[in-house]
Amino acid sequence: MNIAQTYGADSGLQGHKSAARGLMQRVGLVLFGCMVFIGVTEAQQVAAPIEGVIGKLQSFDGKSLEVMTAAGAVHVAVKQPLTTYKQIPSDLSHITASSYVGVASAEQADGKQVAKQVFIFPAELSGAAEGSVLTDPPGATTHSRMTNGSVSVPAAHSRMTNGTVQKSGTMLVVNYQGGSQTVSVPANVPVTEVAPQKVTFSPGDVVYATTQKLPDGTLVTDKIFQFIPAAPGGAKQ
């Protein structure tokens, strides 16, 4: 857009004022652009939640599966092509600013969360079971937690929660929609990468299946993850 300017006897002064205003406007636009960019970047760090069911596998015949969840048995139909996932050994160095992770942890007497196992999910599972939930059985005196989330920029202090994860030394910070959680990761804690692999399912396996609900209410999945708990004592599998 061209703006006509009228110069009078003090046109030199007006010219300087105009140039100053132009510079301030350009600086303002640059700052605004940076704020928008930062806002978009932060928004992108939080993965969109993916619906799913987690629990003990009751049956699986390749066409459907029955999963016993905390709310009861759930029937899920299988949609082809089906991708199955299992864990392969990894380490914390593979967690990046774009990682989506899950952390199984236990609360200590001082209230801090200490990791028992860390999972690094592939990009297509970002958002799976996002959040931080207690996994204690009824009547338990301990407080265990599972947190899934995305990893963000390193921070001085970390916490474990399903969502965006921040990493600082042996601490992880996971940001999820509605909150965050910090978890300490001891050196002997197993870290595994969740990768597409052929899996043989057996009744009693703990599985997570991403789900979509059809108009008739049927749940369908094309991605199933076989969850293998950490070995006692924190030994790597």
C-alpha atoms as a PDB file:
ATOM      1  CA  MET A   1       0.000   0.000   0.000  1.00  0.00           C
ATOM      2  CA  ASN A   2       1.399   3.464  -0.983  1.00  0.00           C
ATOM      3  CA  ILE A   3       0.736   6.285   1.502  1.00  0.00           C
ATOM      4  CA  ALA A   4       1.017   9.892   0.228  1.00  0.00           C
ATOM      5  CA  GLN A   5       2.822  12.258   2.572  1.00  0.00           C
ATOM      6  CA  THR A   6       2.492  16.102   2.589  1.00  0.00           C
ATOM      7  CA  TYR A   7       5.589  18.101   3.503  1.00  0.00           C
ATOM      8  CA  GLY A   8       5.453  21.683   4.765  1.00  0.00           C
ATOM      9  CA  ALA A   9       7.964  24.041   6.291  1.00  0.00           C
ATOM     10  CA  ASP A  10       8.904  21.383   8.929  1.00  0.00           C
ATOM     11  CA  SER A  11       9.035  18.537   6.397  1.00  0.00           C
ATOM     12  CA  GLY A  12      12.484  17.439   7.642  1.00  0.00           C
ATOM     13  CA  LEU A  13      11.192  16.923  11.176  1.00  0.00           C
ATOM     14  CA  GLN A  14       8.080  15.201   9.876  1.00  0.00           C
ATOM     15  CA  GLY A  15      10.289  12.959   7.772  1.00  0.00           C
ATOM     16  CA  HIS A  16      12.293  11.899  10.819  1.00  0.00           C
ATOM     17  CA  LYS A  17       9.077  11.241  12.787  1.00  0.00           C
ATOM     18  CA  SER A  18       7.671   9.255   9.903  1.00  0.00           C
ATOM     19  CA  ALA A  19      10.837   7.168   9.628  1.00  0.00           C
ATOM     20  CA  ALA A  20      10.801   6.546  13.379  1.00  0.00           C
ATOM     21  CA  ARG A  21       7.168   5.467  13.251  1.00  0.00           C
ATOM     22  CA  GLY A  22       7.946   3.180  10.319  1.00  0.00           C
ATOM     23  CA  LEU A  23      10.836   1.588  12.209  1.00  0.00           C
ATOM     24  CA  MET A  24       8.664   1.043  15.297  1.00  0.00           C
ATOM     25  CA  GLN A  25       5.930  -0.505  13.177  1.00  0.00           C
ATOM     26  CA  ARG A  26       8.419  -2.875  11.540  1.00  0.00           C
ATOM     27  CA  VAL A  27       9.873  -3.851  14.932  1.00  0.00           C
ATOM     28  CA  GLY A  28       6.363  -4.382  16.258  1.00  0.00           C
ATOM     29  CA  LEU A  29       5.484  -6.624  13.325  1.00  0.00           C
ATOM     30  CA  VAL A  30       8.666  -8.653  13.804  1.00  0.00           C
ATOM     31  CA  LEU A  31       7.939  -9.114  17.533  1.00  0.00           C
ATOM     32  CA  PHE A  32       4.340 -10.049  16.778  1.00  0.00           C
ATOM     33  CA  GLY A  33       5.538 -12.546  14.195  1.00  0.00           C
ATOM     34  CA  CYS A  34       7.940 -14.088  16.718  1.00  0.00           C
ATOM     35  CA  MET A  35       5.162 -14.378  19.297  1.00  0.00           C
ATOM     36  CA  VAL A  36       2.895 -16.098  16.788  1.00  0.00           C
ATOM     37  CA  PHE A  37       5.716 -18.447  15.740  1.00  0.00           C
ATOM     38  CA  ILE A  38       6.507 -19.332  19.362  1.00  0.00           C
ATOM     39  CA  GLY A  39       2.833 -19.912  20.090  1.00  0.00           C
ATOM     40  CA  VAL A  40       2.457 -22.205  17.074  1.00  0.00           C
ATOM     41  CA  THR A  41       5.643 -24.093  17.966  1.00  0.00           C
ATOM     42  CA  GLU A  42       4.486 -24.676  21.539  1.00  0.00           C
ATOM     43  CA  ALA A  43       1.089 -25.788  20.311  1.00  0.00           C
ATOM     44  CA  GLN A  44       2.715 -28.259  17.938  1.00  0.00           C
ATOM     45  CA  GLN A  45       4.710 -29.772  20.809  1.00  0.00           C
ATOM     46  CA  VAL A  46       1.534 -31.109  22.423  1.00  0.00           C
ATOM     47  CA  ALA A  47       0.366 -34.138  20.472  1.00  0.00           C
ATOM     48  CA  ALA A  48      -3.317 -34.448  19.667  1.00  0.00           C
ATOM     49  CA  PRO A  49      -4.849 -37.088  21.969  1.00  0.00           C
ATOM     50  CA  ILE A  50      -5.473 -40.516  20.421  1.00  0.00           C
ATOM     51  CA  GLU A  51      -8.369 -42.558  21.782  1.00  0.00           C
ATOM     52  CA  GLY A  52      -7.558 -46.078  22.910  1.00  0.00           C
ATOM     53  CA  VAL A  53      -8.056 -48.875  25.421  1.00  0.00           C
ATOM     54  CA  ILE A  54      -5.476 -50.402  27.733  1.00  0.00           C
ATOM     55  CA  GLY A  55      -5.793 -53.510  29.848  1.00  0.00           C
ATOM     56  CA  LYS A  56      -5.238 -57.259  29.999  1.00  0.00           C
ATOM     57  CA  LEU A  57      -5.883 -59.166  26.805  1.00  0.00           C
ATOM     58  CA  GLN A  58      -8.640 -61.751  27.176  1.00  0.00           C
ATOM     59  CA  SER A  59      -8.709 -63.035  23.603  1.00  0.00           C
ATOM     60  CA  PHE A  60      -7.393 -62.208  20.129  1.00  0.00           C
ATOM     61  CA  ASP A  61      -8.240 -64.015  16.875  1.00  0.00           C
ATOM     62  CA  GLY A  62      -6.861 -61.566  14.317  1.00  0.00           C
ATOM     63  CA  LYS A  63     -10.314 -60.114  13.629  1.00  0.00           C
ATOM     64  CA  SER A  64     -11.130 -58.769  17.078  1.00  0.00           C
ATOM     65  CA  LEU A  65      -9.831 -58.621  20.632  1.00  0.00           C
ATOM     66  CA  GLU A  66     -11.322 -58.536  24.107  1.00  0.00           C
ATOM     67  CA  VAL A  67      -9.531 -56.325  26.612  1.00  0.00           C
ATOM     68  CA  MET A  68     -10.270 -56.240  30.332  1.00  0.00           C
ATOM     69  CA  THR A  69      -9.947 -52.599  31.372  1.00  0.00           C
ATOM     70  CA  ALA A  70     -10.467 -50.866  34.701  1.00  0.00           C
ATOM     71  CA  ALA A  71     -14.045 -50.181  33.563  1.00  0.00           C
ATOM     72  CA  GLY A  72     -14.726 -53.758  32.427  1.00  0.00           C
ATOM     73  CA  ALA A  73     -14.356 -55.889  29.296  1.00  0.00           C
ATOM     74  CA  VAL A  74     -14.135 -54.023  25.987  1.00  0.00           C
ATOM     75  CA  HIS A  75     -14.607 -55.576  22.549  1.00  0.00           C
ATOM     76  CA  VAL A  76     -12.531 -54.067  19.723  1.00  0.00           C
ATOM     77  CA  ALA A  77     -12.766 -55.038  16.060  1.00  0.00           C
ATOM     78  CA  VAL A  78      -9.539 -55.217  14.024  1.00  0.00           C
ATOM     79  CA  LYS A  79      -9.179 -53.154  10.862  1.00  0.00           C
ATOM     80  CA  GLN A  80      -6.619 -54.212   8.271  1.00  0.00           C
ATOM     81  CA  PRO A  81      -3.817 -53.541   7.710  1.00  0.00           C
ATOM     82  CA  LEU A  82      -3.037 -54.079  11.392  1.00  0.00           C
ATOM     83  CA  THR A  83       0.266 -52.791  12.821  1.00  0.00           C
ATOM     84  CA  THR A  84       1.537 -54.347  16.030  1.00  0.00           C
ATOM     85  CA  TYR A  85       4.230 -52.874  18.254  1.00  0.00           C
ATOM     86  CA  LYS A  86       6.630 -54.224  20.847  1.00  0.00           C
ATOM     87  CA  GLN A  87       9.552 -52.894  22.856  1.00  0.00           C
ATOM     88  CA  ILE A  88      13.202 -52.871  21.812  1.00  0.00           C
ATOM     89  CA  PRO A  89      16.076 -51.720  24.094  1.00  0.00           C
ATOM     90  CA  SER A  90      16.949 -48.024  23.941  1.00  0.00           C
ATOM     91  CA  ASP A  91      18.262 -45.243  26.200  1.00  0.00           C
ATOM     92  CA  LEU A  92      17.545 -41.657  27.229  1.00  0.00           C
ATOM     93  CA  SER A  93      19.806 -40.251  24.497  1.00  0.00           C
ATOM     94  CA  HIS A  94      17.089 -41.213  21.990  1.00  0.00           C
ATOM     95  CA  ILE A  95      14.606 -38.818  23.589  1.00  0.00           C
ATOM     96  CA  THR A  96      14.486 -35.616  21.541  1.00  0.00           C
ATOM     97  CA  ALA A  97      12.411 -32.440  21.483  1.00  0.00           C
ATOM     98  CA  SER A  98       9.903 -34.184  19.211  1.00  0.00           C
ATOM     99  CA  SER A  99       9.592 -37.426  21.200  1.00  0.00           C
ATOM    100  CA  TYR A 100       6.362 -38.715  22.699  1.00  0.00           C
ATOM    101  CA  VAL A 101       7.037 -40.833  25.768  1.00  0.00           C
ATOM    102  CA  GLY A 102       5.366 -42.864  28.467  1.00  0.00           C
ATOM    103  CA  VAL A 103       6.793 -43.159  31.966  1.00  0.00           C
ATOM    104  CA  ALA A 104       5.802 -45.674  34.614  1.00  0.00           C
ATOM    105  CA  SER A 105       6.723 -44.228  38.001  1.00  0.00           C
ATOM    106  CA  ALA A 106       6.228 -44.644  41.745  1.00  0.00           C
ATOM    107  CA  GLU A 107       5.679 -41.897  44.311  1.00  0.00           C
ATOM    108  CA  GLN A 108       8.286 -41.652  47.045  1.00  0.00           C
ATOM    109  CA  ALA A 109       7.745 -40.654  50.681  1.00  0.00           C
ATOM    110  CA  ASP A 110       8.735 -37.065  49.839  1.00  0.00           C
ATOM    111  CA  GLY A 111       6.103 -36.918  47.082  1.00  0.00           C
ATOM    112  CA  LYS A 112       8.571 -37.112  44.199  1.00  0.00           C
ATOM    113  CA  GLN A 113       7.952 -39.439  41.262  1.00  0.00           C
ATOM    114  CA  VAL A 114      10.738 -41.916  40.410  1.00  0.00           C
ATOM    115  CA  ALA A 115      10.632 -43.714  37.052  1.00  0.00           C
ATOM    116  CA  LYS A 116      10.437 -47.499  36.860  1.00  0.00           C
ATOM    117  CA  GLN A 117      10.314 -47.699  33.052  1.00  0.00           C
ATOM    118  CA  VAL A 118      10.412 -45.282  30.108  1.00  0.00           C
ATOM    119  CA  PHE A 119       8.827 -45.875  26.692  1.00  0.00           C
ATOM    120  CA  ILE A 120       9.652 -43.886  23.538  1.00  0.00           C
ATOM    121  CA  PHE A 121       6.711 -44.031  21.141  1.00  0.00           C
ATOM    122  CA  PRO A 122       6.906 -43.718  17.339  1.00  0.00           C
ATOM    123  CA  ALA A 123       5.455 -40.607  15.669  1.00  0.00           C
ATOM    124  CA  GLU A 124       2.238 -42.360  14.636  1.00  0.00           C
ATOM    125  CA  LEU A 125       1.450 -43.082  18.304  1.00  0.00           C
ATOM    126  CA  SER A 126       2.021 -39.515  19.492  1.00  0.00           C
ATOM    127  CA  GLY A 127      -0.983 -38.618  21.619  1.00  0.00           C
ATOM    128  CA  ALA A 128      -1.716 -42.219  22.636  1.00  0.00           C
ATOM    129  CA  ALA A 129      -3.181 -42.411  26.168  1.00  0.00           C
ATOM    130  CA  GLU A 130      -2.047 -38.845  26.822  1.00  0.00           C
ATOM    131  CA  GLY A 131      -2.145 -37.834  30.460  1.00  0.00           C
ATOM    132  CA  SER A 132      -1.021 -38.952  33.886  1.00  0.00           C
ATOM    133  CA  VAL A 133      -3.039 -41.642  35.658  1.00  0.00           C
ATOM    134  CA  LEU A 134      -2.685 -43.742  38.808  1.00  0.00           C
ATOM    135  CA  THR A 135      -2.271 -47.459  38.163  1.00  0.00           C
ATOM    136  CA  ASP A 136      -2.698 -48.726  41.733  1.00  0.00           C
ATOM    137  CA  PRO A 137      -4.980 -51.721  42.268  1.00  0.00           C
ATOM    138  CA  PRO A 138      -7.845 -51.243  44.772  1.00  0.00           C
ATOM    139  CA  GLY A 139      -6.575 -51.063  48.355  1.00  0.00           C
ATOM    140  CA  ALA A 140      -2.941 -50.482  47.375  1.00  0.00           C
ATOM    141  CA  THR A 141      -0.765 -48.575  49.842  1.00  0.00           C
ATOM    142  CA  THR A 142       1.747 -47.492  47.197  1.00  0.00           C
ATOM    143  CA  HIS A 143       1.088 -44.912  44.489  1.00  0.00           C
ATOM    144  CA  SER A 144       2.203 -45.855  40.981  1.00  0.00           C
ATOM    145  CA  ARG A 145       1.571 -43.703  37.950  1.00  0.00           C
ATOM    146  CA  MET A 146       1.706 -43.914  34.155  1.00  0.00           C
ATOM    147  CA  THR A 147       2.354 -40.681  32.290  1.00  0.00           C
ATOM    148  CA  ASN A 148       2.374 -40.196  28.526  1.00  0.00           C
ATOM    149  CA  GLY A 149       3.325 -36.993  26.784  1.00  0.00           C
ATOM    150  CA  SER A 150       5.497 -35.123  24.322  1.00  0.00           C
ATOM    151  CA  VAL A 151       9.029 -33.923  24.965  1.00  0.00           C
ATOM    152  CA  SER A 152       9.811 -30.207  24.934  1.00  0.00           C
ATOM    153  CA  VAL A 153      12.830 -27.975  25.453  1.00  0.00           C
ATOM    154  CA  PRO A 154      15.276 -28.915  28.263  1.00  0.00           C
ATOM    155  CA  ALA A 155      14.431 -27.294  31.586  1.00  0.00           C
ATOM    156  CA  ALA A 156      16.200 -26.917  34.898  1.00  0.00           C
ATOM    157  CA  HIS A 157      13.526 -28.977  36.621  1.00  0.00           C
ATOM    158  CA  SER A 158      11.610 -31.895  35.167  1.00  0.00           C
ATOM    159  CA  ARG A 159       8.434 -33.787  35.835  1.00  0.00           C
ATOM    160  CA  MET A 160       6.710 -36.791  34.326  1.00  0.00           C
ATOM    161  CA  THR A 161       3.286 -36.437  32.865  1.00  0.00           C
ATOM    162  CA  ASN A 162       1.566 -37.595  29.689  1.00  0.00           C
ATOM    163  CA  GLY A 163       2.189 -34.839  27.246  1.00  0.00           C
ATOM    164  CA  THR A 164       5.186 -32.810  26.264  1.00  0.00           C
ATOM    165  CA  VAL A 165       8.401 -33.965  27.904  1.00  0.00           C
ATOM    166  CA  GLN A 166      11.244 -31.756  29.018  1.00  0.00           C
ATOM    167  CA  LYS A 167      14.575 -33.390  29.728  1.00  0.00           C
ATOM    168  CA  SER A 168      17.291 -32.170  32.081  1.00  0.00           C
ATOM    169  CA  GLY A 169      19.936 -34.660  33.185  1.00  0.00           C
ATOM    170  CA  THR A 170      18.111 -37.581  34.791  1.00  0.00           C
ATOM    171  CA  MET A 171      14.860 -35.649  35.136  1.00  0.00           C
ATOM    172  CA  LEU A 172      12.001 -35.693  32.629  1.00  0.00           C
ATOM    173  CA  VAL A 173       9.275 -33.082  32.284  1.00  0.00           C
ATOM    174  CA  VAL A 174       6.174 -34.186  30.399  1.00  0.00           C
ATOM    175  CA  ASN A 175       3.544 -31.615  29.453  1.00  0.00           C
ATOM    176  CA  TYR A 176       0.050 -32.790  28.631  1.00  0.00           C
ATOM    177  CA  GLN A 177      -3.220 -30.984  28.081  1.00  0.00           C
ATOM    178  CA  GLY A 178      -4.286 -29.684  31.462  1.00  0.00           C
ATOM    179  CA  GLY A 179      -1.092 -30.193  33.445  1.00  0.00           C
ATOM    180  CA  SER A 180       2.370 -31.695  33.804  1.00  0.00           C
ATOM    181  CA  GLN A 181       4.348 -34.049  36.047  1.00  0.00           C
ATOM    182  CA  THR A 182       8.039 -34.338  36.989  1.00  0.00           C
ATOM    183  CA  VAL A 183       9.893 -37.645  37.325  1.00  0.00           C
ATOM    184  CA  SER A 184      13.425 -38.591  38.305  1.00  0.00           C
ATOM    185  CA  VAL A 185      15.008 -41.318  36.130  1.00  0.00           C
ATOM    186  CA  PRO A 186      17.618 -43.470  37.930  1.00  0.00           C
ATOM    187  CA  ALA A 187      20.526 -44.821  35.891  1.00  0.00           C
ATOM    188  CA  ASN A 188      19.291 -48.437  35.934  1.00  0.00           C
ATOM    189  CA  VAL A 189      15.759 -47.723  34.692  1.00  0.00           C
ATOM    190  CA  PRO A 190      14.917 -49.619  31.475  1.00  0.00           C
ATOM    191  CA  VAL A 191      14.281 -47.382  28.465  1.00  0.00           C
ATOM    192  CA  THR A 192      12.609 -49.053  25.496  1.00  0.00           C
ATOM    193  CA  GLU A 193      11.563 -47.898  22.061  1.00  0.00           C
ATOM    194  CA  VAL A 194       8.106 -48.883  20.880  1.00  0.00           C
ATOM    195  CA  ALA A 195       8.615 -50.113  17.319  1.00  0.00           C
ATOM    196  CA  PRO A 196       6.528 -51.904  14.668  1.00  0.00           C
ATOM    197  CA  GLN A 197       7.239 -55.610  15.115  1.00  0.00           C
ATOM    198  CA  LYS A 198       5.459 -58.889  14.539  1.00  0.00           C
ATOM    199  CA  VAL A 199       3.845 -59.835  17.854  1.00  0.00           C
ATOM    200  CA  THR A 200       2.371 -63.085  19.145  1.00  0.00           C
ATOM    201  CA  PHE A 201      -0.371 -62.163  21.600  1.00  0.00           C
ATOM    202  CA  SER A 202      -1.349 -64.344  24.546  1.00  0.00           C
ATOM    203  CA  PRO A 203      -4.179 -64.034  27.087  1.00  0.00           C
ATOM    204  CA  GLY A 204      -2.977 -61.991  30.050  1.00  0.00           C
ATOM    205  CA  ASP A 205      -0.752 -59.691  27.975  1.00  0.00           C
ATOM    206  CA  VAL A 206      -1.121 -56.021  28.833  1.00  0.00           C
ATOM    207  CA  VAL A 207      -1.946 -54.254  25.572  1.00  0.00           C
ATOM    208  CA  TYR A 208      -2.856 -50.804  24.341  1.00  0.00           C
ATOM    209  CA  ALA A 209      -5.011 -50.487  21.226  1.00  0.00           C
ATOM    210  CA  THR A 210      -5.684 -47.169  19.531  1.00  0.00           C
ATOM    211  CA  THR A 211      -9.384 -46.964  18.738  1.00  0.00           C
ATOM    212  CA  GLN A 212     -11.920 -45.237  16.536  1.00  0.00           C
ATOM    213  CA  LYS A 213     -15.651 -45.356  17.211  1.00  0.00           C
ATOM    214  CA  LEU A 214     -17.899 -46.102  14.235  1.00  0.00           C
ATOM    215  CA  PRO A 215     -21.363 -44.506  13.917  1.00  0.00           C
ATOM    216  CA  ASP A 216     -22.927 -47.710  15.281  1.00  0.00           C
ATOM    217  CA  GLY A 217     -20.732 -47.526  18.397  1.00  0.00           C
ATOM    218  CA  THR A 218     -18.306 -50.285  17.368  1.00  0.00           C
ATOM    219  CA  LEU A 219     -14.685 -49.720  18.394  1.00  0.00           C
ATOM    220  CA  VAL A 220     -12.076 -50.548  15.748  1.00  0.00           C
ATOM    221  CA  THR A 221      -8.284 -50.573  15.855  1.00  0.00           C
ATOM    222  CA  ASP A 222      -5.415 -50.891  13.393  1.00  0.00           C
ATOM    223  CA  LYS A 223      -2.592 -50.407  15.952  1.00  0.00           C
ATOM    224  CA  ILE A 224      -1.914 -52.616  19.002  1.00  0.00           C
ATOM    225  CA  PHE A 225       1.027 -52.240  21.390  1.00  0.00           C
ATOM    226  CA  GLN A 226       2.148 -55.156  23.560  1.00  0.00           C
ATOM    227  CA  PHE A 227       3.202 -53.670  26.903  1.00  0.00           C
ATOM    228  CA  ILE A 228       6.012 -55.559  28.669  1.00  0.00           C
ATOM    229  CA  PRO A 229       6.556 -54.397  32.287  1.00  0.00           C
ATOM    230  CA  ALA A 230      10.072 -53.809  33.543  1.00  0.00           C
ATOM    231  CA  ALA A 231      11.824 -56.785  35.107  1.00  0.00           C
ATOM    232  CA  PRO A 232      12.023 -56.725  38.936  1.00  0.00           C
ATOM    233  CA  GLY A 233      14.916 -54.670  40.257  1.00  0.00           C
ATOM    234  CA  GLY A 234      15.063 -52.449  37.168  1.00  0.00           C
ATOM    235  CA  ALA A 235      17.109 -54.892  35.090  1.00  0.00           C
ATOM    236  CA  LYS A 236      16.959 -54.295  31.368  1.00  0.00           C
ATOM    237  CA  GLN A 237      15.147 -56.899  29.337  1.00  0.00           C
END
